[in-house]
Amino acid sequence: MLSEFDLIKRYFAQHNLPDEHLALGIGDDCALLNVTPGMQMAVSSDMLVSGRHFFPDVDPLTLGHKCLAVNLSDLAAMGAKPIGFTLAFALPEADPVWLEKFSQGLFSLADQHHCRLIGGDTTKGPLNICITIFGEQPLATALRRDAAKVGDDIWISGTLGDARLALAGYWRELELSPDDHARAAKRMHLPTPRVALGMALRGIAHAALDISDGLVGDLGHILERSHVGATLAIDELPAGPVLQQFPIALRRQFTLAGGDDYELCFTAPSDRRADVIAAAASANTVITRVGRIDTDPGLRFLDGLGNHVNLSLQSFDHFNTP
C-alpha cells in the first residue's frame, strides 16, 4: 500500500530537476522561485473535477496531459513563458498503474515546455486535480483582456469545434464513425497549448485569451473588459477537420459555442497583419482572421455573403450548464 509520501517520491519527486528559476523545489514547506530582473510573474490556477471536466474512466495518460495543457494555455493567452507548476489532487486510491500513466502524460507535456513541478499536495477523496502554474514575461507586455482597440482584427489559432463534436459522440447526440470520433476525441483529450504563439505575439497583439468555454462567451470577456463590440464572419471560423464534414448549422454552433478548444483568440491592429502572420509562422501555428473590433457594444454575426445572421448561443458556464 502506497503512503502519501511514497506516492510523491515514486511518481512526482524524481522530476524535481535543477532549473535556473528554481531555488528550492519539492520537499520543503514552500518552493522558492527566482524572478528574472525586468520580468514579471504570471500565475494561473485551474481545477478539473471528475464527472464535470472529464469522464471518470478517462485514460489517465491523456488526463495528465490535459490538466497541465489547460494551465499552459492560460499562460499562452498572456504571452508568458512557463516556469513551473504545483499539483494538488485528491485520489480515491493510490493505484500504481493509474499513477504511472497519469504522471507520464503530465511530465511528457511539462518537459516539452521546460516547466518544472515545484510542489503541491495529495489527499484521499473523489478525483479532483488542481494545478497552479507560474510563468514570466517582460514588463508591460502581457496580452490582457482589457486591451482590444476599435479597428483591431480578430484572429483565431488552430481549429474549433472538434472537441465539442467528440462530446456529442460520447453523449450520443450524433452518430460518428469510430475513426471520426477518435480523431475528434484527440482534440478533446489532448489539446495543444499555444505557448509559442502567445510569446511571439508580444508587442504585436493587443488583447488575447484562450478559448475554453466557447468563442462567443470567451470573446465576450474581451469585449466587456475593453468596452468595445465586435463583428464575426462566422463562416470563416476554422472548423476542425472532422466537423468540416457536417452541415453549416452544426459547424456554426460548435465553432461558436462548443468549448474545450484551448486555442487563442486575439486582437491586433489591422496595419500589423504581416507581423501577425510572421509571428504565427515562427510559432508553427495556423491562424485565421475572423472579424473586427467595433465601437458599438455587442457581438454581431455575418454569413459568407456578408449578411447579418441572428443567432442565440451560450457558452459553457459551470453554474448554469447541466
C-alpha atoms as a PDB file:
ATOM      1  CA  MET A   1       0.000   0.000   0.000  1.00  0.00           C
ATOM      2  CA  LEU A   2       1.484   3.350  -1.077  1.00  0.00           C
ATOM      3  CA  SER A   3       1.671   6.098   1.537  1.00  0.00           C
ATOM      4  CA  GLU A   4       1.231   9.768   0.599  1.00  0.00           C
ATOM      5  CA  PHE A   5       4.985  10.357   0.715  1.00  0.00           C
ATOM      6  CA  ASP A   6       5.800   7.139  -1.158  1.00  0.00           C
ATOM      7  CA  LEU A   7       3.384   8.261  -3.865  1.00  0.00           C
ATOM      8  CA  ILE A   8       5.067  11.648  -4.212  1.00  0.00           C
ATOM      9  CA  LYS A   9       8.564  10.195  -4.169  1.00  0.00           C
ATOM     10  CA  ARG A  10       7.865   7.440  -6.700  1.00  0.00           C
ATOM     11  CA  TYR A  11       5.777   9.294  -9.285  1.00  0.00           C
ATOM     12  CA  PHE A  12       6.477  13.007  -8.910  1.00  0.00           C
ATOM     13  CA  ALA A  13       9.574  13.987  -6.906  1.00  0.00           C
ATOM     14  CA  GLN A  14      12.015  12.425  -9.370  1.00  0.00           C
ATOM     15  CA  HIS A  15      11.137  15.250 -11.758  1.00  0.00           C
ATOM     16  CA  ASN A  16      12.397  17.872  -9.291  1.00  0.00           C
ATOM     17  CA  LEU A  17      15.274  18.762 -11.638  1.00  0.00           C
ATOM     18  CA  PRO A  18      17.682  21.719 -11.456  1.00  0.00           C
ATOM     19  CA  ASP A  19      16.383  24.877 -13.099  1.00  0.00           C
ATOM     20  CA  GLU A  20      17.558  28.490 -13.262  1.00  0.00           C
ATOM     21  CA  HIS A  21      14.245  29.705 -11.850  1.00  0.00           C
ATOM     22  CA  LEU A  22      14.008  27.138  -9.040  1.00  0.00           C
ATOM     23  CA  ALA A  23      15.934  27.981  -5.872  1.00  0.00           C
ATOM     24  CA  LEU A  24      14.117  25.304  -3.849  1.00  0.00           C
ATOM     25  CA  GLY A  25      11.666  22.696  -5.078  1.00  0.00           C
ATOM     26  CA  ILE A  26       9.768  19.709  -3.712  1.00  0.00           C
ATOM     27  CA  GLY A  27      10.483  18.681  -0.125  1.00  0.00           C
ATOM     28  CA  ASP A  28      10.050  21.812   1.977  1.00  0.00           C
ATOM     29  CA  ASP A  29       7.088  23.885   3.161  1.00  0.00           C
ATOM     30  CA  CYS A  30       7.350  26.211   0.166  1.00  0.00           C
ATOM     31  CA  ALA A  31       9.073  26.267  -3.186  1.00  0.00           C
ATOM     32  CA  LEU A  32      11.334  29.238  -3.888  1.00  0.00           C
ATOM     33  CA  LEU A  33      11.375  30.787  -7.363  1.00  0.00           C
ATOM     34  CA  ASN A  34      13.865  33.245  -8.800  1.00  0.00           C
ATOM     35  CA  VAL A  35      12.313  36.017 -10.869  1.00  0.00           C
ATOM     36  CA  THR A  36      14.448  37.285 -13.750  1.00  0.00           C
ATOM     37  CA  PRO A  37      15.218  41.021 -13.487  1.00  0.00           C
ATOM     38  CA  GLY A  38      12.979  43.079 -15.747  1.00  0.00           C
ATOM     39  CA  MET A  39      10.332  40.368 -15.840  1.00  0.00           C
ATOM     40  CA  GLN A  40       7.024  39.938 -14.041  1.00  0.00           C
ATOM     41  CA  MET A  41       5.339  36.718 -12.985  1.00  0.00           C
ATOM     42  CA  ALA A  42       2.094  35.358 -14.443  1.00  0.00           C
ATOM     43  CA  VAL A  43       0.130  32.936 -12.234  1.00  0.00           C
ATOM     44  CA  SER A  44      -2.975  30.869 -13.037  1.00  0.00           C
ATOM     45  CA  SER A  45      -4.927  28.026 -11.397  1.00  0.00           C
ATOM     46  CA  ASP A  46      -7.329  25.523 -12.924  1.00  0.00           C
ATOM     47  CA  MET A  47      -9.309  22.756 -11.234  1.00  0.00           C
ATOM     48  CA  LEU A  48     -10.508  19.630 -13.041  1.00  0.00           C
ATOM     49  CA  VAL A  49     -13.213  17.604 -11.313  1.00  0.00           C
ATOM     50  CA  SER A  50     -14.137  14.036 -12.225  1.00  0.00           C
ATOM     51  CA  GLY A  51     -17.585  13.853 -13.767  1.00  0.00           C
ATOM     52  CA  ARG A  52     -17.594  17.577 -14.519  1.00  0.00           C
ATOM     53  CA  HIS A  53     -14.476  18.247 -16.572  1.00  0.00           C
ATOM     54  CA  PHE A  54     -13.632  14.680 -17.585  1.00  0.00           C
ATOM     55  CA  PHE A  55     -15.208  11.249 -17.624  1.00  0.00           C
ATOM     56  CA  PRO A  56     -14.431   9.109 -14.540  1.00  0.00           C
ATOM     57  CA  ASP A  57     -12.983   6.351 -16.758  1.00  0.00           C
ATOM     58  CA  VAL A  58     -10.777   8.660 -18.846  1.00  0.00           C
ATOM     59  CA  ASP A  59      -7.340   7.381 -19.817  1.00  0.00           C
ATOM     60  CA  PRO A  60      -5.024   8.723 -17.082  1.00  0.00           C
ATOM     61  CA  LEU A  61      -2.296   9.351 -19.684  1.00  0.00           C
ATOM     62  CA  THR A  62      -4.451  11.871 -21.531  1.00  0.00           C
ATOM     63  CA  LEU A  63      -5.768  13.289 -18.245  1.00  0.00           C
ATOM     64  CA  GLY A  64      -2.208  14.029 -17.133  1.00  0.00           C
ATOM     65  CA  HIS A  65      -1.629  15.872 -20.397  1.00  0.00           C
ATOM     66  CA  LYS A  66      -4.865  17.839 -20.336  1.00  0.00           C
ATOM     67  CA  CYS A  67      -4.721  19.028 -16.736  1.00  0.00           C
ATOM     68  CA  LEU A  68      -1.392  20.746 -17.458  1.00  0.00           C
ATOM     69  CA  ALA A  69      -2.333  21.798 -21.008  1.00  0.00           C
ATOM     70  CA  VAL A  70      -5.271  23.913 -19.824  1.00  0.00           C
ATOM     71  CA  ASN A  71      -2.943  25.786 -17.468  1.00  0.00           C
ATOM     72  CA  LEU A  72      -0.252  26.254 -20.101  1.00  0.00           C
ATOM     73  CA  SER A  73      -2.998  27.628 -22.338  1.00  0.00           C
ATOM     74  CA  ASP A  74      -3.689  30.365 -19.776  1.00  0.00           C
ATOM     75  CA  LEU A  75      -0.019  31.382 -19.853  1.00  0.00           C
ATOM     76  CA  ALA A  76      -0.112  31.327 -23.656  1.00  0.00           C
ATOM     77  CA  ALA A  77      -3.053  33.726 -23.624  1.00  0.00           C
ATOM     78  CA  MET A  78      -0.961  36.235 -21.662  1.00  0.00           C
ATOM     79  CA  GLY A  79       2.182  35.731 -23.737  1.00  0.00           C
ATOM     80  CA  ALA A  80       4.055  34.260 -20.768  1.00  0.00           C
ATOM     81  CA  LYS A  81       6.879  31.725 -20.757  1.00  0.00           C
ATOM     82  CA  PRO A  82       6.238  28.737 -18.429  1.00  0.00           C
ATOM     83  CA  ILE A  83       8.469  28.324 -15.387  1.00  0.00           C
ATOM     84  CA  GLY A  84       6.897  25.786 -13.026  1.00  0.00           C
ATOM     85  CA  PHE A  85       3.707  24.440 -11.525  1.00  0.00           C
ATOM     86  CA  THR A  86       2.242  22.943  -8.382  1.00  0.00           C
ATOM     87  CA  LEU A  87      -0.064  19.926  -8.330  1.00  0.00           C
ATOM     88  CA  ALA A  88      -2.717  19.385  -5.654  1.00  0.00           C
ATOM     89  CA  PHE A  89      -5.061  16.476  -6.107  1.00  0.00           C
ATOM     90  CA  ALA A  90      -7.409  14.096  -4.320  1.00  0.00           C
ATOM     91  CA  LEU A  91      -7.368  10.417  -5.293  1.00  0.00           C
ATOM     92  CA  PRO A  92      -9.904   7.706  -4.433  1.00  0.00           C
ATOM     93  CA  GLU A  93      -6.964   5.318  -4.050  1.00  0.00           C
ATOM     94  CA  ALA A  94      -3.220   5.213  -4.718  1.00  0.00           C
ATOM     95  CA  ASP A  95      -3.313   2.931  -7.776  1.00  0.00           C
ATOM     96  CA  PRO A  96       0.249   2.436  -9.123  1.00  0.00           C
ATOM     97  CA  VAL A  97      -0.936   1.689 -12.681  1.00  0.00           C
ATOM     98  CA  TRP A  98      -3.112   4.821 -12.799  1.00  0.00           C
ATOM     99  CA  LEU A  99      -0.395   6.999 -11.250  1.00  0.00           C
ATOM    100  CA  GLU A 100       2.280   5.750 -13.643  1.00  0.00           C
ATOM    101  CA  LYS A 101       0.198   6.675 -16.695  1.00  0.00           C
ATOM    102  CA  PHE A 102      -1.024   9.977 -15.247  1.00  0.00           C
ATOM    103  CA  SER A 103       2.485  11.131 -14.353  1.00  0.00           C
ATOM    104  CA  GLN A 104       3.769  10.050 -17.780  1.00  0.00           C
ATOM    105  CA  GLY A 105       1.190  12.210 -19.565  1.00  0.00           C
ATOM    106  CA  LEU A 106       1.799  15.107 -17.194  1.00  0.00           C
ATOM    107  CA  PHE A 107       5.583  15.164 -17.443  1.00  0.00           C
ATOM    108  CA  SER A 108       5.725  14.481 -21.165  1.00  0.00           C
ATOM    109  CA  LEU A 109       3.991  17.819 -21.751  1.00  0.00           C
ATOM    110  CA  ALA A 110       5.848  19.556 -18.914  1.00  0.00           C
ATOM    111  CA  ASP A 111       9.200  18.572 -20.400  1.00  0.00           C
ATOM    112  CA  GLN A 112       8.177  19.923 -23.820  1.00  0.00           C
ATOM    113  CA  HIS A 113       7.716  23.349 -22.239  1.00  0.00           C
ATOM    114  CA  HIS A 114      10.587  23.141 -19.722  1.00  0.00           C
ATOM    115  CA  CYS A 115       8.033  23.612 -16.951  1.00  0.00           C
ATOM    116  CA  ARG A 116       9.013  22.007 -13.632  1.00  0.00           C
ATOM    117  CA  LEU A 117       6.804  20.559 -10.910  1.00  0.00           C
ATOM    118  CA  ILE A 118       7.802  22.537  -7.807  1.00  0.00           C
ATOM    119  CA  GLY A 119       5.380  21.329  -5.109  1.00  0.00           C
ATOM    120  CA  GLY A 120       1.800  20.504  -4.229  1.00  0.00           C
ATOM    121  CA  ASP A 121      -0.342  18.263  -2.050  1.00  0.00           C
ATOM    122  CA  THR A 122      -2.165  14.928  -2.135  1.00  0.00           C
ATOM    123  CA  THR A 123      -5.086  13.544  -0.166  1.00  0.00           C
ATOM    124  CA  LYS A 124      -7.703  10.798  -0.395  1.00  0.00           C
ATOM    125  CA  GLY A 125     -11.106  11.687  -1.837  1.00  0.00           C
ATOM    126  CA  PRO A 126     -13.120  11.963  -5.066  1.00  0.00           C
ATOM    127  CA  LEU A 127     -10.783  12.525  -8.018  1.00  0.00           C
ATOM    128  CA  ASN A 128     -10.051  16.252  -8.232  1.00  0.00           C
ATOM    129  CA  ILE A 129      -6.958  17.844  -9.790  1.00  0.00           C
ATOM    130  CA  CYS A 130      -5.817  21.431  -9.247  1.00  0.00           C
ATOM    131  CA  ILE A 131      -2.728  22.909 -10.884  1.00  0.00           C
ATOM    132  CA  THR A 132      -1.285  26.344 -10.264  1.00  0.00           C
ATOM    133  CA  ILE A 133       1.173  27.410 -12.944  1.00  0.00           C
ATOM    134  CA  PHE A 134       3.823  30.121 -12.958  1.00  0.00           C
ATOM    135  CA  GLY A 135       5.273  31.944 -15.929  1.00  0.00           C
ATOM    136  CA  GLU A 136       7.199  35.108 -16.666  1.00  0.00           C
ATOM    137  CA  GLN A 137       7.207  37.842 -19.273  1.00  0.00           C
ATOM    138  CA  PRO A 138       8.846  41.233 -19.810  1.00  0.00           C
ATOM    139  CA  LEU A 139       7.201  44.114 -18.000  1.00  0.00           C
ATOM    140  CA  ALA A 140       4.208  45.700 -19.753  1.00  0.00           C
ATOM    141  CA  THR A 141       3.983  43.010 -22.472  1.00  0.00           C
ATOM    142  CA  ALA A 142       1.053  40.942 -21.173  1.00  0.00           C
ATOM    143  CA  LEU A 143      -1.765  40.285 -23.651  1.00  0.00           C
ATOM    144  CA  ARG A 144      -4.584  41.480 -21.424  1.00  0.00           C
ATOM    145  CA  ARG A 145      -8.330  41.116 -21.984  1.00  0.00           C
ATOM    146  CA  ASP A 146      -8.904  44.847 -21.489  1.00  0.00           C
ATOM    147  CA  ALA A 147      -6.596  45.991 -24.306  1.00  0.00           C
ATOM    148  CA  ALA A 148      -8.635  45.468 -27.503  1.00  0.00           C
ATOM    149  CA  LYS A 149      -8.924  48.573 -29.701  1.00  0.00           C
ATOM    150  CA  VAL A 150     -11.577  49.639 -32.200  1.00  0.00           C
ATOM    151  CA  GLY A 151     -10.398  48.632 -35.678  1.00  0.00           C
ATOM    152  CA  ASP A 152      -8.427  45.607 -34.455  1.00  0.00           C
ATOM    153  CA  ASP A 153      -8.611  42.382 -36.418  1.00  0.00           C
ATOM    154  CA  ILE A 154      -9.819  39.315 -34.527  1.00  0.00           C
ATOM    155  CA  TRP A 155      -7.776  36.151 -35.052  1.00  0.00           C
ATOM    156  CA  ILE A 156      -8.137  32.502 -34.042  1.00  0.00           C
ATOM    157  CA  SER A 157      -5.354  29.923 -33.794  1.00  0.00           C
ATOM    158  CA  GLY A 158      -5.813  26.351 -34.969  1.00  0.00           C
ATOM    159  CA  THR A 159      -9.334  24.996 -35.391  1.00  0.00           C
ATOM    160  CA  LEU A 160     -12.535  24.982 -33.355  1.00  0.00           C
ATOM    161  CA  GLY A 161     -15.383  22.604 -32.657  1.00  0.00           C
ATOM    162  CA  ASP A 162     -13.951  19.086 -32.850  1.00  0.00           C
ATOM    163  CA  ALA A 163     -13.764  18.758 -29.057  1.00  0.00           C
ATOM    164  CA  ARG A 164     -17.485  19.555 -28.799  1.00  0.00           C
ATOM    165  CA  LEU A 165     -18.148  17.146 -31.653  1.00  0.00           C
ATOM    166  CA  ALA A 166     -16.376  14.395 -29.721  1.00  0.00           C
ATOM    167  CA  LEU A 167     -18.539  15.144 -26.697  1.00  0.00           C
ATOM    168  CA  ALA A 168     -21.645  14.891 -28.886  1.00  0.00           C
ATOM    169  CA  GLY A 169     -20.436  11.445 -29.886  1.00  0.00           C
ATOM    170  CA  TYR A 170     -19.928  10.368 -26.274  1.00  0.00           C
ATOM    171  CA  TRP A 171     -23.382  11.675 -25.345  1.00  0.00           C
ATOM    172  CA  ARG A 172     -24.994  10.013 -28.390  1.00  0.00           C
ATOM    173  CA  GLU A 173     -26.228  13.363 -29.664  1.00  0.00           C
ATOM    174  CA  LEU A 174     -24.714  12.460 -33.039  1.00  0.00           C
ATOM    175  CA  GLU A 175     -23.653   9.258 -34.739  1.00  0.00           C
ATOM    176  CA  LEU A 176     -19.961   9.363 -35.619  1.00  0.00           C
ATOM    177  CA  SER A 177     -17.886   6.679 -37.258  1.00  0.00           C
ATOM    178  CA  PRO A 178     -15.290   5.133 -34.912  1.00  0.00           C
ATOM    179  CA  ASP A 179     -12.483   6.798 -36.899  1.00  0.00           C
ATOM    180  CA  ASP A 180     -14.114  10.231 -36.879  1.00  0.00           C
ATOM    181  CA  HIS A 181     -14.899  10.001 -33.190  1.00  0.00           C
ATOM    182  CA  ALA A 182     -11.333   9.004 -32.387  1.00  0.00           C
ATOM    183  CA  ARG A 183      -9.962  11.951 -34.394  1.00  0.00           C
ATOM    184  CA  ALA A 184     -12.307  14.428 -32.742  1.00  0.00           C
ATOM    185  CA  ALA A 185     -11.704  12.940 -29.284  1.00  0.00           C
ATOM    186  CA  LYS A 186      -7.974  13.522 -29.677  1.00  0.00           C
ATOM    187  CA  ARG A 187      -8.711  17.259 -29.843  1.00  0.00           C
ATOM    188  CA  MET A 188     -10.821  16.948 -26.716  1.00  0.00           C
ATOM    189  CA  HIS A 189      -8.378  14.926 -24.626  1.00  0.00           C
ATOM    190  CA  LEU A 190      -5.024  16.226 -25.942  1.00  0.00           C
ATOM    191  CA  PRO A 191      -5.341  19.979 -26.561  1.00  0.00           C
ATOM    192  CA  THR A 192      -2.276  21.866 -27.780  1.00  0.00           C
ATOM    193  CA  PRO A 193      -1.373  24.890 -25.641  1.00  0.00           C
ATOM    194  CA  ARG A 194      -0.263  27.717 -27.957  1.00  0.00           C
ATOM    195  CA  VAL A 195       2.595  28.911 -25.773  1.00  0.00           C
ATOM    196  CA  ALA A 196       4.987  29.715 -28.626  1.00  0.00           C
ATOM    197  CA  LEU A 197       2.325  31.764 -30.417  1.00  0.00           C
ATOM    198  CA  GLY A 198       1.457  33.753 -27.313  1.00  0.00           C
ATOM    199  CA  MET A 199       5.101  34.664 -26.769  1.00  0.00           C
ATOM    200  CA  ALA A 200       5.556  35.549 -30.455  1.00  0.00           C
ATOM    201  CA  LEU A 201       2.596  37.960 -30.288  1.00  0.00           C
ATOM    202  CA  ARG A 202       4.121  40.131 -27.559  1.00  0.00           C
ATOM    203  CA  GLY A 203       4.328  43.697 -28.789  1.00  0.00           C
ATOM    204  CA  ILE A 204       2.071  42.908 -31.769  1.00  0.00           C
ATOM    205  CA  ALA A 205      -1.313  41.798 -30.448  1.00  0.00           C
ATOM    206  CA  HIS A 206      -3.397  43.949 -28.155  1.00  0.00           C
ATOM    207  CA  ALA A 207      -5.699  41.532 -26.307  1.00  0.00           C
ATOM    208  CA  ALA A 208      -5.926  37.745 -26.066  1.00  0.00           C
ATOM    209  CA  LEU A 209      -7.472  34.835 -24.212  1.00  0.00           C
ATOM    210  CA  ASP A 210      -7.740  31.095 -24.617  1.00  0.00           C
ATOM    211  CA  ILE A 211     -10.996  29.554 -25.805  1.00  0.00           C
ATOM    212  CA  SER A 212     -12.085  27.175 -23.061  1.00  0.00           C
ATOM    213  CA  ASP A 213     -15.839  27.705 -22.672  1.00  0.00           C
ATOM    214  CA  GLY A 214     -16.705  28.649 -26.264  1.00  0.00           C
ATOM    215  CA  LEU A 215     -15.772  31.546 -28.552  1.00  0.00           C
ATOM    216  CA  VAL A 216     -18.996  33.543 -28.019  1.00  0.00           C
ATOM    217  CA  GLY A 217     -18.609  33.687 -24.259  1.00  0.00           C
ATOM    218  CA  ASP A 218     -14.837  33.968 -24.162  1.00  0.00           C
ATOM    219  CA  LEU A 219     -14.629  36.745 -26.765  1.00  0.00           C
ATOM    220  CA  GLY A 220     -17.396  38.413 -24.788  1.00  0.00           C
ATOM    221  CA  HIS A 221     -14.959  38.784 -21.893  1.00  0.00           C
ATOM    222  CA  ILE A 222     -12.599  40.781 -24.097  1.00  0.00           C
ATOM    223  CA  LEU A 223     -15.452  42.976 -25.357  1.00  0.00           C
ATOM    224  CA  GLU A 224     -16.726  43.657 -21.851  1.00  0.00           C
ATOM    225  CA  ARG A 225     -13.324  44.397 -20.359  1.00  0.00           C
ATOM    226  CA  SER A 226     -12.256  46.553 -23.319  1.00  0.00           C
ATOM    227  CA  HIS A 227     -15.604  48.388 -23.627  1.00  0.00           C
ATOM    228  CA  VAL A 228     -15.941  47.565 -27.327  1.00  0.00           C
ATOM    229  CA  GLY A 229     -18.056  45.412 -29.651  1.00  0.00           C
ATOM    230  CA  ALA A 230     -17.228  43.015 -32.467  1.00  0.00           C
ATOM    231  CA  THR A 231     -18.398  41.552 -35.754  1.00  0.00           C
ATOM    232  CA  LEU A 232     -17.548  37.944 -36.608  1.00  0.00           C
ATOM    233  CA  ALA A 233     -17.574  36.348 -40.063  1.00  0.00           C
ATOM    234  CA  ILE A 234     -18.997  33.100 -38.718  1.00  0.00           C
ATOM    235  CA  ASP A 235     -18.469  31.073 -41.873  1.00  0.00           C
ATOM    236  CA  GLU A 236     -14.781  31.995 -41.793  1.00  0.00           C
ATOM    237  CA  LEU A 237     -14.339  30.327 -38.404  1.00  0.00           C
ATOM    238  CA  PRO A 238     -11.816  27.482 -38.776  1.00  0.00           C
ATOM    239  CA  ALA A 239     -13.852  24.328 -38.132  1.00  0.00           C
ATOM    240  CA  GLY A 240     -11.913  21.234 -37.107  1.00  0.00           C
ATOM    241  CA  PRO A 241     -11.158  18.575 -39.740  1.00  0.00           C
ATOM    242  CA  VAL A 242     -13.932  16.243 -38.595  1.00  0.00           C
ATOM    243  CA  LEU A 243     -16.509  18.984 -38.032  1.00  0.00           C
ATOM    244  CA  GLN A 244     -15.985  20.281 -41.582  1.00  0.00           C
ATOM    245  CA  GLN A 245     -17.947  17.280 -42.837  1.00  0.00           C
ATOM    246  CA  PHE A 246     -21.144  18.364 -41.074  1.00  0.00           C
ATOM    247  CA  PRO A 247     -23.913  20.816 -42.091  1.00  0.00           C
ATOM    248  CA  ILE A 248     -23.283  24.524 -41.721  1.00  0.00           C
ATOM    249  CA  ALA A 249     -25.732  24.984 -38.838  1.00  0.00           C
ATOM    250  CA  LEU A 250     -23.855  22.459 -36.702  1.00  0.00           C
ATOM    251  CA  ARG A 251     -20.481  23.912 -37.704  1.00  0.00           C
ATOM    252  CA  ARG A 252     -21.635  27.346 -36.590  1.00  0.00           C
ATOM    253  CA  GLN A 253     -22.963  26.063 -33.284  1.00  0.00           C
ATOM    254  CA  PHE A 254     -19.866  24.076 -32.350  1.00  0.00           C
ATOM    255  CA  THR A 255     -17.266  26.619 -33.525  1.00  0.00           C
ATOM    256  CA  LEU A 256     -19.043  29.495 -31.787  1.00  0.00           C
ATOM    257  CA  ALA A 257     -20.107  27.847 -28.534  1.00  0.00           C
ATOM    258  CA  GLY A 258     -18.523  24.393 -28.362  1.00  0.00           C
ATOM    259  CA  GLY A 259     -15.755  24.975 -25.836  1.00  0.00           C
ATOM    260  CA  ASP A 260     -12.782  22.839 -24.775  1.00  0.00           C
ATOM    261  CA  ASP A 261     -10.761  24.047 -27.783  1.00  0.00           C
ATOM    262  CA  TYR A 262      -7.898  25.785 -25.913  1.00  0.00           C
ATOM    263  CA  GLU A 263      -6.984  27.821 -28.959  1.00  0.00           C
ATOM    264  CA  LEU A 264      -6.062  31.502 -28.755  1.00  0.00           C
ATOM    265  CA  CYS A 265      -8.424  34.298 -29.736  1.00  0.00           C
ATOM    266  CA  PHE A 266      -6.572  37.586 -30.053  1.00  0.00           C
ATOM    267  CA  THR A 267      -6.911  41.071 -31.477  1.00  0.00           C
ATOM    268  CA  ALA A 268      -4.252  43.041 -33.310  1.00  0.00           C
ATOM    269  CA  PRO A 269      -4.074  46.282 -35.336  1.00  0.00           C
ATOM    270  CA  SER A 270      -5.133  45.804 -38.944  1.00  0.00           C
ATOM    271  CA  ASP A 271      -1.960  47.514 -40.142  1.00  0.00           C
ATOM    272  CA  ARG A 272       0.116  44.765 -38.486  1.00  0.00           C
ATOM    273  CA  ARG A 273      -1.336  41.782 -40.327  1.00  0.00           C
ATOM    274  CA  ALA A 274       2.036  40.925 -41.845  1.00  0.00           C
ATOM    275  CA  ASP A 275       3.609  40.898 -38.369  1.00  0.00           C
ATOM    276  CA  VAL A 276       0.826  38.683 -37.016  1.00  0.00           C
ATOM    277  CA  ILE A 277       1.283  36.218 -39.861  1.00  0.00           C
ATOM    278  CA  ALA A 278       5.061  36.199 -39.342  1.00  0.00           C
ATOM    279  CA  ALA A 279       4.616  35.606 -35.600  1.00  0.00           C
ATOM    280  CA  ALA A 280       2.311  32.658 -36.288  1.00  0.00           C
ATOM    281  CA  ALA A 281       4.780  31.234 -38.800  1.00  0.00           C
ATOM    282  CA  SER A 282       7.599  31.497 -36.260  1.00  0.00           C
ATOM    283  CA  ALA A 283       5.422  29.552 -33.803  1.00  0.00           C
ATOM    284  CA  ASN A 284       4.486  26.994 -36.487  1.00  0.00           C
ATOM    285  CA  THR A 285       0.801  27.699 -35.838  1.00  0.00           C
ATOM    286  CA  VAL A 286      -2.037  28.202 -38.318  1.00  0.00           C
ATOM    287  CA  ILE A 287      -4.161  31.302 -37.682  1.00  0.00           C
ATOM    288  CA  THR A 288      -7.341  32.686 -39.261  1.00  0.00           C
ATOM    289  CA  ARG A 289      -8.660  36.246 -39.335  1.00  0.00           C
ATOM    290  CA  VAL A 290     -12.338  36.030 -38.415  1.00  0.00           C
ATOM    291  CA  GLY A 291     -13.622  39.514 -37.577  1.00  0.00           C
ATOM    292  CA  ARG A 292     -13.041  43.011 -36.301  1.00  0.00           C
ATOM    293  CA  ILE A 293     -13.443  45.064 -33.158  1.00  0.00           C
ATOM    294  CA  ASP A 294     -16.194  47.705 -33.402  1.00  0.00           C
ATOM    295  CA  THR A 295     -17.254  50.792 -31.489  1.00  0.00           C
ATOM    296  CA  ASP A 296     -20.845  49.651 -30.878  1.00  0.00           C
ATOM    297  CA  PRO A 297     -21.210  47.253 -27.918  1.00  0.00           C
ATOM    298  CA  GLY A 298     -22.282  43.670 -28.501  1.00  0.00           C
ATOM    299  CA  LEU A 299     -21.368  40.828 -30.819  1.00  0.00           C
ATOM    300  CA  ARG A 300     -22.683  40.655 -34.392  1.00  0.00           C
ATOM    301  CA  PHE A 301     -22.536  37.798 -36.912  1.00  0.00           C
ATOM    302  CA  LEU A 302     -22.119  37.859 -40.702  1.00  0.00           C
ATOM    303  CA  ASP A 303     -22.522  34.873 -43.013  1.00  0.00           C
ATOM    304  CA  GLY A 304     -20.327  34.051 -46.001  1.00  0.00           C
ATOM    305  CA  LEU A 305     -22.217  36.558 -48.170  1.00  0.00           C
ATOM    306  CA  GLY A 306     -21.850  39.382 -45.675  1.00  0.00           C
ATOM    307  CA  ASN A 307     -25.450  39.169 -44.473  1.00  0.00           C
ATOM    308  CA  HIS A 308     -26.314  39.614 -40.812  1.00  0.00           C
ATOM    309  CA  VAL A 309     -27.299  36.394 -39.031  1.00  0.00           C
ATOM    310  CA  ASN A 310     -29.343  36.241 -35.840  1.00  0.00           C
ATOM    311  CA  LEU A 311     -28.056  33.527 -33.519  1.00  0.00           C
ATOM    312  CA  SER A 312     -28.750  32.854 -29.862  1.00  0.00           C
ATOM    313  CA  LEU A 313     -25.832  30.897 -28.441  1.00  0.00           C
ATOM    314  CA  GLN A 314     -24.491  30.439 -24.935  1.00  0.00           C
ATOM    315  CA  SER A 315     -21.045  29.234 -23.952  1.00  0.00           C
ATOM    316  CA  PHE A 316     -20.413  26.789 -21.134  1.00  0.00           C
ATOM    317  CA  ASP A 317     -20.958  28.074 -17.599  1.00  0.00           C
ATOM    318  CA  HIS A 318     -20.154  25.903 -14.583  1.00  0.00           C
ATOM    319  CA  PHE A 319     -23.210  27.032 -12.630  1.00  0.00           C
ATOM    320  CA  ASN A 320     -25.714  27.407 -15.482  1.00  0.00           C
ATOM    321  CA  THR A 321     -24.885  24.397 -17.634  1.00  0.00           C
ATOM    322  CA  PRO A 322     -26.237  20.927 -16.703  1.00  0.00           C
END
